Amino acid sequence: MQLNLNKPICFFDLETTGINISKDRVVEISILKVHPDGKEETYTKRVNPTIPIPPEVTLVHGISDDDVADAPTFKDIAKDVHNMIKDSDLGGFNSNRFD
């Protein structure tokens, strides 16, 4: 696919502790950044949500409390995420509902 970009676009996907945007938290973030010249960058990081991941949610995305026990919190990676997406357009799967 040929994209006609004036600035980078970042496609992102989140895995979370649930679907309630006011109480649930990120457990994994993935970003694909495509630059106008076609260069691509990726960023994927597991995140410790600091709250338990319900077993029924682990069945959906496969990420358990043990998988993120030693992972950084979102606060720890927020600057890296910001640096990756700043000055970019955003696109995401299901991003109008949760992501």
PDB file of N, CA and C in Angstrom:
ATOM      1  N   MET A   1       0.844  -1.170   0.000  1.00  0.00           N
ATOM      2  CA  MET A   1       0.000   0.000   0.000  1.00  0.00           C
ATOM      3  C   MET A   1       0.893   1.238   0.000  1.00  0.00           C
ATOM      4  N   GLN A   2       0.564   2.178  -0.833  1.00  0.00           N
ATOM      5  CA  GLN A   2       1.304   3.442  -0.895  1.00  0.00           C
ATOM      6  C   GLN A   2       0.547   4.491  -0.076  1.00  0.00           C
ATOM      7  N   LEU A   3       1.187   5.029   0.945  1.00  0.00           N
ATOM      8  CA  LEU A   3       0.591   6.078   1.767  1.00  0.00           C
ATOM      9  C   LEU A   3       1.177   7.422   1.370  1.00  0.00           C
ATOM     10  N   ASN A   4       0.338   8.429   1.280  1.00  0.00           N
ATOM     11  CA  ASN A   4       0.785   9.782   0.981  1.00  0.00           C
ATOM     12  C   ASN A   4       0.768  10.564   2.290  1.00  0.00           C
ATOM     13  N   LEU A   5       1.881  10.557   3.010  1.00  0.00           N
ATOM     14  CA  LEU A   5       1.951  11.154   4.344  1.00  0.00           C
ATOM     15  C   LEU A   5       2.695  12.480   4.316  1.00  0.00           C
ATOM     16  N   ASN A   6       2.178  13.441   5.081  1.00  0.00           N
ATOM     17  CA  ASN A   6       2.878  14.701   5.297  1.00  0.00           C
ATOM     18  C   ASN A   6       3.666  14.689   6.599  1.00  0.00           C
ATOM     19  N   LYS A   7       3.262  13.813   7.506  1.00  0.00           N
ATOM     20  CA  LYS A   7       3.964  13.626   8.775  1.00  0.00           C
ATOM     21  C   LYS A   7       3.799  12.166   9.163  1.00  0.00           C
ATOM     22  N   PRO A   8       4.537  11.699  10.152  1.00  0.00           N
ATOM     23  CA  PRO A   8       4.430  10.285  10.534  1.00  0.00           C
ATOM     24  C   PRO A   8       3.026   9.942  11.014  1.00  0.00           C
ATOM     25  N   ILE A   9       2.695   8.667  10.890  1.00  0.00           N
ATOM     26  CA  ILE A   9       1.461   8.148  11.463  1.00  0.00           C
ATOM     27  C   ILE A   9       1.832   6.998  12.382  1.00  0.00           C
ATOM     28  N   CYS A  10       1.230   6.985  13.572  1.00  0.00           N
ATOM     29  CA  CYS A  10       1.462   5.923  14.544  1.00  0.00           C
ATOM     30  C   CYS A  10       0.186   5.106  14.705  1.00  0.00           C
ATOM     31  N   PHE A  11       0.297   3.827  14.399  1.00  0.00           N
ATOM     32  CA  PHE A  11      -0.792   2.893  14.639  1.00  0.00           C
ATOM     33  C   PHE A  11      -0.508   2.238  15.979  1.00  0.00           C
ATOM     34  N   PHE A  12      -1.512   2.199  16.854  1.00  0.00           N
ATOM     35  CA  PHE A  12      -1.257   1.635  18.170  1.00  0.00           C
ATOM     36  C   PHE A  12      -2.334   0.642  18.562  1.00  0.00           C
ATOM     37  N   ASP A  13      -1.970  -0.253  19.454  1.00  0.00           N
ATOM     38  CA  ASP A  13      -2.892  -1.236  20.004  1.00  0.00           C
ATOM     39  C   ASP A  13      -2.556  -1.411  21.473  1.00  0.00           C
ATOM     40  N   LEU A  14      -3.585  -1.544  22.279  1.00  0.00           N
ATOM     41  CA  LEU A  14      -3.416  -1.743  23.718  1.00  0.00           C
ATOM     42  C   LEU A  14      -4.033  -3.063  24.146  1.00  0.00           C
ATOM     43  N   GLU A  15      -3.419  -3.715  25.099  1.00  0.00           N
ATOM     44  CA  GLU A  15      -4.041  -4.794  25.851  1.00  0.00           C
ATOM     45  C   GLU A  15      -4.224  -4.235  27.253  1.00  0.00           C
ATOM     46  N   THR A  16      -5.362  -4.527  27.866  1.00  0.00           N
ATOM     47  CA  THR A  16      -5.722  -3.881  29.128  1.00  0.00           C
ATOM     48  C   THR A  16      -6.269  -4.871  30.146  1.00  0.00           C
ATOM     49  N   THR A  17      -6.565  -4.353  31.336  1.00  0.00           N
ATOM     50  CA  THR A  17      -7.154  -5.185  32.392  1.00  0.00           C
ATOM     51  C   THR A  17      -8.657  -5.357  32.215  1.00  0.00           C
ATOM     52  N   GLY A  18      -9.245  -4.681  31.248  1.00  0.00           N
ATOM     53  CA  GLY A  18     -10.687  -4.762  30.982  1.00  0.00           C
ATOM     54  C   GLY A  18     -11.086  -3.686  29.999  1.00  0.00           C
ATOM     55  N   ILE A  19     -12.394  -3.419  29.895  1.00  0.00           N
ATOM     56  CA  ILE A  19     -12.884  -2.459  28.906  1.00  0.00           C
ATOM     57  C   ILE A  19     -13.488  -1.195  29.523  1.00  0.00           C
ATOM     58  N   ASN A  20     -13.361  -1.028  30.821  1.00  0.00           N
ATOM     59  CA  ASN A  20     -13.878   0.163  31.486  1.00  0.00           C
ATOM     60  C   ASN A  20     -12.801   1.247  31.461  1.00  0.00           C
ATOM     61  N   ILE A  21     -13.012   2.294  30.651  1.00  0.00           N
ATOM     62  CA  ILE A  21     -11.965   3.311  30.472  1.00  0.00           C
ATOM     63  C   ILE A  21     -11.684   4.127  31.723  1.00  0.00           C
ATOM     64  N   SER A  22     -12.586   4.095  32.698  1.00  0.00           N
ATOM     65  CA  SER A  22     -12.347   4.887  33.908  1.00  0.00           C
ATOM     66  C   SER A  22     -11.586   4.106  34.987  1.00  0.00           C
ATOM     67  N   LYS A  23     -11.554   2.775  34.897  1.00  0.00           N
ATOM     68  CA  LYS A  23     -10.862   2.024  35.959  1.00  0.00           C
ATOM     69  C   LYS A  23      -9.821   1.033  35.463  1.00  0.00           C
ATOM     70  N   ASP A  24      -9.909   0.602  34.221  1.00  0.00           N
ATOM     71  CA  ASP A  24      -8.972  -0.401  33.729  1.00  0.00           C
ATOM     72  C   ASP A  24      -7.680   0.232  33.237  1.00  0.00           C
ATOM     73  N   ARG A  25      -6.642  -0.593  33.140  1.00  0.00           N
ATOM     74  CA  ARG A  25      -5.301  -0.078  32.854  1.00  0.00           C
ATOM     75  C   ARG A  25      -4.617  -0.886  31.770  1.00  0.00           C
ATOM     76  N   VAL A  26      -3.607  -0.295  31.201  1.00  0.00           N
ATOM     77  CA  VAL A  26      -2.831  -0.904  30.124  1.00  0.00           C
ATOM     78  C   VAL A  26      -1.910  -1.995  30.681  1.00  0.00           C
ATOM     79  N   VAL A  27      -1.852  -3.148  29.983  1.00  0.00           N
ATOM     80  CA  VAL A  27      -0.896  -4.198  30.330  1.00  0.00           C
ATOM     81  C   VAL A  27       0.111  -4.430  29.202  1.00  0.00           C
ATOM     82  N   GLU A  28      -0.194  -3.929  28.004  1.00  0.00           N
ATOM     83  CA  GLU A  28       0.762  -3.975  26.901  1.00  0.00           C
ATOM     84  C   GLU A  28       0.392  -2.897  25.891  1.00  0.00           C
ATOM     85  N   ILE A  29       1.406  -2.249  25.339  1.00  0.00           N
ATOM     86  CA  ILE A  29       1.210  -1.253  24.290  1.00  0.00           C
ATOM     87  C   ILE A  29       2.140  -1.591  23.134  1.00  0.00           C
ATOM     88  N   SER A  30       1.593  -1.500  21.935  1.00  0.00           N
ATOM     89  CA  SER A  30       2.392  -1.680  20.720  1.00  0.00           C
ATOM     90  C   SER A  30       2.113  -0.516  19.786  1.00  0.00           C
ATOM     91  N   ILE A  31       3.177   0.015  19.206  1.00  0.00           N
ATOM     92  CA  ILE A  31       3.072   1.155  18.286  1.00  0.00           C
ATOM     93  C   ILE A  31       3.901   0.841  17.039  1.00  0.00           C
ATOM     94  N   LEU A  32       3.306   1.089  15.887  1.00  0.00           N
ATOM     95  CA  LEU A  32       4.024   1.051  14.617  1.00  0.00           C
ATOM     96  C   LEU A  32       4.001   2.468  14.068  1.00  0.00           C
ATOM     97  N   LYS A  33       5.167   3.067  13.898  1.00  0.00           N
ATOM     98  CA  LYS A  33       5.289   4.429  13.373  1.00  0.00           C
ATOM     99  C   LYS A  33       5.808   4.351  11.945  1.00  0.00           C
ATOM    100  N   VAL A  34       5.028   4.931  11.017  1.00  0.00           N
ATOM    101  CA  VAL A  34       5.411   4.966   9.610  1.00  0.00           C
ATOM    102  C   VAL A  34       5.701   6.414   9.243  1.00  0.00           C
ATOM    103  N   HIS A  35       6.910   6.653   8.767  1.00  0.00           N
ATOM    104  CA  HIS A  35       7.341   7.996   8.380  1.00  0.00           C
ATOM    105  C   HIS A  35       6.980   8.261   6.916  1.00  0.00           C
ATOM    106  N   PRO A  36       6.882   9.535   6.537  1.00  0.00           N
ATOM    107  CA  PRO A  36       6.562   9.866   5.143  1.00  0.00           C
ATOM    108  C   PRO A  36       7.493   9.220   4.116  1.00  0.00           C
ATOM    109  N   ASP A  37       8.754   8.965   4.490  1.00  0.00           N
ATOM    110  CA  ASP A  37       9.700   8.339   3.553  1.00  0.00           C
ATOM    111  C   ASP A  37       9.589   6.808   3.538  1.00  0.00           C
ATOM    112  N   GLY A  38       8.629   6.263   4.313  1.00  0.00           N
ATOM    113  CA  GLY A  38       8.419   4.817   4.353  1.00  0.00           C
ATOM    114  C   GLY A  38       9.153   4.098   5.467  1.00  0.00           C
ATOM    115  N   LYS A  39      10.076   4.778   6.139  1.00  0.00           N
ATOM    116  CA  LYS A  39      10.793   4.174   7.271  1.00  0.00           C
ATOM    117  C   LYS A  39       9.786   3.805   8.355  1.00  0.00           C
ATOM    118  N   GLU A  40      10.005   2.668   8.999  1.00  0.00           N
ATOM    119  CA  GLU A  40       9.119   2.203  10.066  1.00  0.00           C
ATOM    120  C   GLU A  40       9.884   2.027  11.367  1.00  0.00           C
ATOM    121  N   GLU A  41       9.216   2.350  12.469  1.00  0.00           N
ATOM    122  CA  GLU A  41       9.741   2.101  13.809  1.00  0.00           C
ATOM    123  C   GLU A  41       8.670   1.340  14.579  1.00  0.00           C
ATOM    124  N   THR A  42       9.091   0.468  15.474  1.00  0.00           N
ATOM    125  CA  THR A  42       8.131  -0.244  16.324  1.00  0.00           C
ATOM    126  C   THR A  42       8.513  -0.086  17.791  1.00  0.00           C
ATOM    127  N   TYR A  43       7.491  -0.159  18.622  1.00  0.00           N
ATOM    128  CA  TYR A  43       7.683  -0.085  20.068  1.00  0.00           C
ATOM    129  C   TYR A  43       6.628  -1.004  20.686  1.00  0.00           C
ATOM    130  N   THR A  44       7.062  -1.972  21.466  1.00  0.00           N
ATOM    131  CA  THR A  44       6.147  -2.850  22.189  1.00  0.00           C
ATOM    132  C   THR A  44       6.677  -3.011  23.593  1.00  0.00           C
ATOM    133  N   LYS A  45       5.794  -2.847  24.555  1.00  0.00           N
ATOM    134  CA  LYS A  45       6.230  -2.934  25.953  1.00  0.00           C
ATOM    135  C   LYS A  45       5.091  -3.514  26.795  1.00  0.00           C
ATOM    136  N   ARG A  46       5.430  -4.497  27.613  1.00  0.00           N
ATOM    137  CA  ARG A  46       4.502  -4.968  28.647  1.00  0.00           C
ATOM    138  C   ARG A  46       4.512  -3.944  29.770  1.00  0.00           C
ATOM    139  N   VAL A  47       3.369  -3.794  30.443  1.00  0.00           N
ATOM    140  CA  VAL A  47       3.204  -2.756  31.454  1.00  0.00           C
ATOM    141  C   VAL A  47       2.578  -3.362  32.710  1.00  0.00           C
ATOM    142  N   ASN A  48       3.140  -3.041  33.867  1.00  0.00           N
ATOM    143  CA  ASN A  48       2.543  -3.461  35.133  1.00  0.00           C
ATOM    144  C   ASN A  48       1.394  -2.501  35.440  1.00  0.00           C
ATOM    145  N   PRO A  49       0.135  -3.000  35.445  1.00  0.00           N
ATOM    146  CA  PRO A  49      -0.999  -2.114  35.664  1.00  0.00           C
ATOM    147  C   PRO A  49      -1.198  -1.714  37.128  1.00  0.00           C
ATOM    148  N   THR A  50      -0.479  -2.323  38.031  1.00  0.00           N
ATOM    149  CA  THR A  50      -0.551  -2.105  39.483  1.00  0.00           C
ATOM    150  C   THR A  50      -1.895  -2.514  40.075  1.00  0.00           C
ATOM    151  N   ILE A  51      -2.710  -3.181  39.272  1.00  0.00           N
ATOM    152  CA  ILE A  51      -3.947  -3.794  39.756  1.00  0.00           C
ATOM    153  C   ILE A  51      -4.003  -5.199  39.155  1.00  0.00           C
ATOM    154  N   PRO A  52      -4.761  -6.103  39.778  1.00  0.00           N
ATOM    155  CA  PRO A  52      -4.834  -7.465  39.240  1.00  0.00           C
ATOM    156  C   PRO A  52      -5.480  -7.510  37.851  1.00  0.00           C
ATOM    157  N   ILE A  53      -4.999  -8.433  37.030  1.00  0.00           N
ATOM    158  CA  ILE A  53      -5.613  -8.700  35.740  1.00  0.00           C
ATOM    159  C   ILE A  53      -6.626  -9.832  35.973  1.00  0.00           C
ATOM    160  N   PRO A  54      -7.902  -9.577  35.727  1.00  0.00           N
ATOM    161  CA  PRO A  54      -8.899 -10.634  35.955  1.00  0.00           C
ATOM    162  C   PRO A  54      -8.615 -11.870  35.090  1.00  0.00           C
ATOM    163  N   PRO A  55      -8.834 -13.064  35.642  1.00  0.00           N
ATOM    164  CA  PRO A  55      -8.565 -14.290  34.884  1.00  0.00           C
ATOM    165  C   PRO A  55      -9.295 -14.343  33.542  1.00  0.00           C
ATOM    166  N   GLU A  56     -10.530 -13.828  33.484  1.00  0.00           N
ATOM    167  CA  GLU A  56     -11.282 -13.855  32.225  1.00  0.00           C
ATOM    168  C   GLU A  56     -10.659 -12.934  31.167  1.00  0.00           C
ATOM    169  N   VAL A  57      -9.956 -11.900  31.611  1.00  0.00           N
ATOM    170  CA  VAL A  57      -9.265 -11.005  30.685  1.00  0.00           C
ATOM    171  C   VAL A  57      -7.972 -11.667  30.194  1.00  0.00           C
ATOM    172  N   THR A  58      -7.279 -12.362  31.088  1.00  0.00           N
ATOM    173  CA  THR A  58      -6.088 -13.099  30.689  1.00  0.00           C
ATOM    174  C   THR A  58      -6.428 -14.117  29.605  1.00  0.00           C
ATOM    175  N   LEU A  59      -7.606 -14.706  29.672  1.00  0.00           N
ATOM    176  CA  LEU A  59      -8.029 -15.654  28.646  1.00  0.00           C
ATOM    177  C   LEU A  59      -8.171 -14.985  27.282  1.00  0.00           C
ATOM    178  N   VAL A  60      -8.467 -13.681  27.266  1.00  0.00           N
ATOM    179  CA  VAL A  60      -8.629 -12.953  25.996  1.00  0.00           C
ATOM    180  C   VAL A  60      -7.273 -12.627  25.379  1.00  0.00           C
ATOM    181  N   HIS A  61      -6.374 -12.007  26.162  1.00  0.00           N
ATOM    182  CA  HIS A  61      -5.100 -11.564  25.567  1.00  0.00           C
ATOM    183  C   HIS A  61      -3.886 -12.391  25.971  1.00  0.00           C
ATOM    184  N   GLY A  62      -4.040 -13.284  26.920  1.00  0.00           N
ATOM    185  CA  GLY A  62      -2.946 -14.176  27.286  1.00  0.00           C
ATOM    186  C   GLY A  62      -1.905 -13.588  28.212  1.00  0.00           C
ATOM    187  N   ILE A  63      -2.161 -12.400  28.756  1.00  0.00           N
ATOM    188  CA  ILE A  63      -1.194 -11.745  29.653  1.00  0.00           C
ATOM    189  C   ILE A  63      -1.693 -11.882  31.091  1.00  0.00           C
ATOM    190  N   SER A  64      -0.849 -12.442  31.948  1.00  0.00           N
ATOM    191  CA  SER A  64      -1.234 -12.672  33.345  1.00  0.00           C
ATOM    192  C   SER A  64      -0.487 -11.723  34.277  1.00  0.00           C
ATOM    193  N   ASP A  65      -0.906 -11.727  35.533  1.00  0.00           N
ATOM    194  CA  ASP A  65      -0.219 -10.928  36.550  1.00  0.00           C
ATOM    195  C   ASP A  65       1.273 -11.284  36.613  1.00  0.00           C
ATOM    196  N   ASP A  66       1.594 -12.573  36.517  1.00  0.00           N
ATOM    197  CA  ASP A  66       2.997 -13.001  36.557  1.00  0.00           C
ATOM    198  C   ASP A  66       3.791 -12.431  35.378  1.00  0.00           C
ATOM    199  N   ASP A  67       3.137 -12.292  34.222  1.00  0.00           N
ATOM    200  CA  ASP A  67       3.824 -11.781  33.026  1.00  0.00           C
ATOM    201  C   ASP A  67       4.243 -10.323  33.167  1.00  0.00           C
ATOM    202  N   VAL A  68       3.537  -9.559  33.983  1.00  0.00           N
ATOM    203  CA  VAL A  68       3.826  -8.126  34.113  1.00  0.00           C
ATOM    204  C   VAL A  68       4.346  -7.742  35.494  1.00  0.00           C
ATOM    205  N   ALA A  69       4.584  -8.718  36.345  1.00  0.00           N
ATOM    206  CA  ALA A  69       5.007  -8.437  37.724  1.00  0.00           C
ATOM    207  C   ALA A  69       6.273  -7.585  37.789  1.00  0.00           C
ATOM    208  N   ASP A  70       7.218  -7.822  36.892  1.00  0.00           N
ATOM    209  CA  ASP A  70       8.475  -7.074  36.897  1.00  0.00           C
ATOM    210  C   ASP A  70       8.543  -6.015  35.798  1.00  0.00           C
ATOM    211  N   ALA A  71       7.419  -5.781  35.129  1.00  0.00           N
ATOM    212  CA  ALA A  71       7.374  -4.796  34.039  1.00  0.00           C
ATOM    213  C   ALA A  71       7.273  -3.378  34.610  1.00  0.00           C
ATOM    214  N   PRO A  72       7.663  -2.381  33.829  1.00  0.00           N
ATOM    215  CA  PRO A  72       7.519  -0.993  34.287  1.00  0.00           C
ATOM    216  C   PRO A  72       6.041  -0.598  34.319  1.00  0.00           C
ATOM    217  N   THR A  73       5.717   0.406  35.107  1.00  0.00           N
ATOM    218  CA  THR A  73       4.356   0.949  35.098  1.00  0.00           C
ATOM    219  C   THR A  73       4.209   1.882  33.893  1.00  0.00           C
ATOM    220  N   PHE A  74       2.972   2.268  33.595  1.00  0.00           N
ATOM    221  CA  PHE A  74       2.779   3.187  32.476  1.00  0.00           C
ATOM    222  C   PHE A  74       3.478   4.521  32.752  1.00  0.00           C
ATOM    223  N   LYS A  75       3.461   4.946  34.011  1.00  0.00           N
ATOM    224  CA  LYS A  75       4.160   6.180  34.369  1.00  0.00           C
ATOM    225  C   LYS A  75       5.643   6.088  33.994  1.00  0.00           C
ATOM    226  N   ASP A  76       6.222   4.904  34.170  1.00  0.00           N
ATOM    227  CA  ASP A  76       7.634   4.700  33.847  1.00  0.00           C
ATOM    228  C   ASP A  76       7.933   4.820  32.351  1.00  0.00           C
ATOM    229  N   ILE A  77       6.972   4.451  31.506  1.00  0.00           N
ATOM    230  CA  ILE A  77       7.216   4.462  30.059  1.00  0.00           C
ATOM    231  C   ILE A  77       6.525   5.618  29.340  1.00  0.00           C
ATOM    232  N   ALA A  78       5.772   6.428  30.054  1.00  0.00           N
ATOM    233  CA  ALA A  78       4.973   7.494  29.428  1.00  0.00           C
ATOM    234  C   ALA A  78       5.813   8.429  28.568  1.00  0.00           C
ATOM    235  N   LYS A  79       6.988   8.798  29.024  1.00  0.00           N
ATOM    236  CA  LYS A  79       7.842   9.709  28.252  1.00  0.00           C
ATOM    237  C   LYS A  79       8.284   9.054  26.939  1.00  0.00           C
ATOM    238  N   ASP A  80       8.621   7.759  26.988  1.00  0.00           N
ATOM    239  CA  ASP A  80       9.004   7.045  25.767  1.00  0.00           C
ATOM    240  C   ASP A  80       7.840   6.978  24.777  1.00  0.00           C
ATOM    241  N   VAL A  81       6.650   6.698  25.290  1.00  0.00           N
ATOM    242  CA  VAL A  81       5.458   6.649  24.432  1.00  0.00           C
ATOM    243  C   VAL A  81       5.206   8.023  23.820  1.00  0.00           C
ATOM    244  N   HIS A  82       5.272   9.051  24.637  1.00  0.00           N
ATOM    245  CA  HIS A  82       5.063  10.414  24.138  1.00  0.00           C
ATOM    246  C   HIS A  82       6.074  10.753  23.043  1.00  0.00           C
ATOM    247  N   ASN A  83       7.332  10.443  23.280  1.00  0.00           N
ATOM    248  CA  ASN A  83       8.368  10.732  22.283  1.00  0.00           C
ATOM    249  C   ASN A  83       8.132   9.978  20.978  1.00  0.00           C
ATOM    250  N   MET A  84       7.571   8.787  21.069  1.00  0.00           N
ATOM    251  CA  MET A  84       7.295   7.993  19.870  1.00  0.00           C
ATOM    252  C   MET A  84       6.145   8.592  19.062  1.00  0.00           C
ATOM    253  N   ILE A  85       5.105   9.092  19.731  1.00  0.00           N
ATOM    254  CA  ILE A  85       3.901   9.518  19.007  1.00  0.00           C
ATOM    255  C   ILE A  85       3.786  11.020  18.773  1.00  0.00           C
ATOM    256  N   LYS A  86       4.609  11.822  19.467  1.00  0.00           N
ATOM    257  CA  LYS A  86       4.476  13.272  19.312  1.00  0.00           C
ATOM    258  C   LYS A  86       4.664  13.671  17.852  1.00  0.00           C
ATOM    259  N   ASP A  87       3.955  14.675  17.428  1.00  0.00           N
ATOM    260  CA  ASP A  87       4.034  15.191  16.060  1.00  0.00           C
ATOM    261  C   ASP A  87       3.601  14.170  15.007  1.00  0.00           C
ATOM    262  N   SER A  88       2.831  13.164  15.409  1.00  0.00           N
ATOM    263  CA  SER A  88       2.347  12.144  14.479  1.00  0.00           C
ATOM    264  C   SER A  88       0.821  12.137  14.466  1.00  0.00           C
ATOM    265  N   ASP A  89       0.268  11.703  13.353  1.00  0.00           N
ATOM    266  CA  ASP A  89      -1.149  11.363  13.334  1.00  0.00           C
ATOM    267  C   ASP A  89      -1.281  10.003  14.002  1.00  0.00           C
ATOM    268  N   LEU A  90      -2.478   9.694  14.513  1.00  0.00           N
ATOM    269  CA  LEU A  90      -2.700   8.435  15.218  1.00  0.00           C
ATOM    270  C   LEU A  90      -3.765   7.603  14.527  1.00  0.00           C
ATOM    271  N   GLY A  91      -3.555   6.313  14.542  1.00  0.00           N
ATOM    272  CA  GLY A  91      -4.533   5.363  14.072  1.00  0.00           C
ATOM    273  C   GLY A  91      -4.465   4.147  14.964  1.00  0.00           C
ATOM    274  N   GLY A  92      -5.621   3.530  15.227  1.00  0.00           N
ATOM    275  CA  GLY A  92      -5.603   2.372  16.096  1.00  0.00           C
ATOM    276  C   GLY A  92      -6.789   1.477  15.889  1.00  0.00           C
ATOM    277  N   PHE A  93      -6.650   0.225  16.277  1.00  0.00           N
ATOM    278  CA  PHE A  93      -7.743  -0.734  16.234  1.00  0.00           C
ATOM    279  C   PHE A  93      -8.641  -0.505  17.430  1.00  0.00           C
ATOM    280  N   ASN A  94      -9.919  -0.284  17.197  1.00  0.00           N
ATOM    281  CA  ASN A  94     -10.896  -0.085  18.277  1.00  0.00           C
ATOM    282  C   ASN A  94     -10.565   1.165  19.091  1.00  0.00           C
ATOM    283  N   SER A  95      -9.830   2.106  18.520  1.00  0.00           N
ATOM    284  CA  SER A  95      -9.341   3.254  19.283  1.00  0.00           C
ATOM    285  C   SER A  95     -10.430   4.252  19.657  1.00  0.00           C
ATOM    286  N   ASN A  96     -11.577   4.197  19.020  1.00  0.00           N
ATOM    287  CA  ASN A  96     -12.650   5.114  19.393  1.00  0.00           C
ATOM    288  C   ASN A  96     -13.445   4.604  20.585  1.00  0.00           C
ATOM    289  N   ARG A  97     -13.207   3.360  21.020  1.00  0.00           N
ATOM    290  CA  ARG A  97     -13.945   2.807  22.142  1.00  0.00           C
ATOM    291  C   ARG A  97     -13.079   2.666  23.392  1.00  0.00           C
ATOM    292  N   PHE A  98     -11.821   2.315  23.244  1.00  0.00           N
ATOM    293  CA  PHE A  98     -10.982   2.188  24.428  1.00  0.00           C
ATOM    294  C   PHE A  98      -9.583   2.719  24.181  1.00  0.00           C
ATOM    295  N   ASP A  99      -8.871   2.185  23.213  1.00  0.00           N
ATOM    296  CA  ASP A  99      -7.491   2.577  22.979  1.00  0.00           C
ATOM    297  C   ASP A  99      -7.406   4.076  22.756  1.00  0.00           C
TER     298      ASP A  99
END
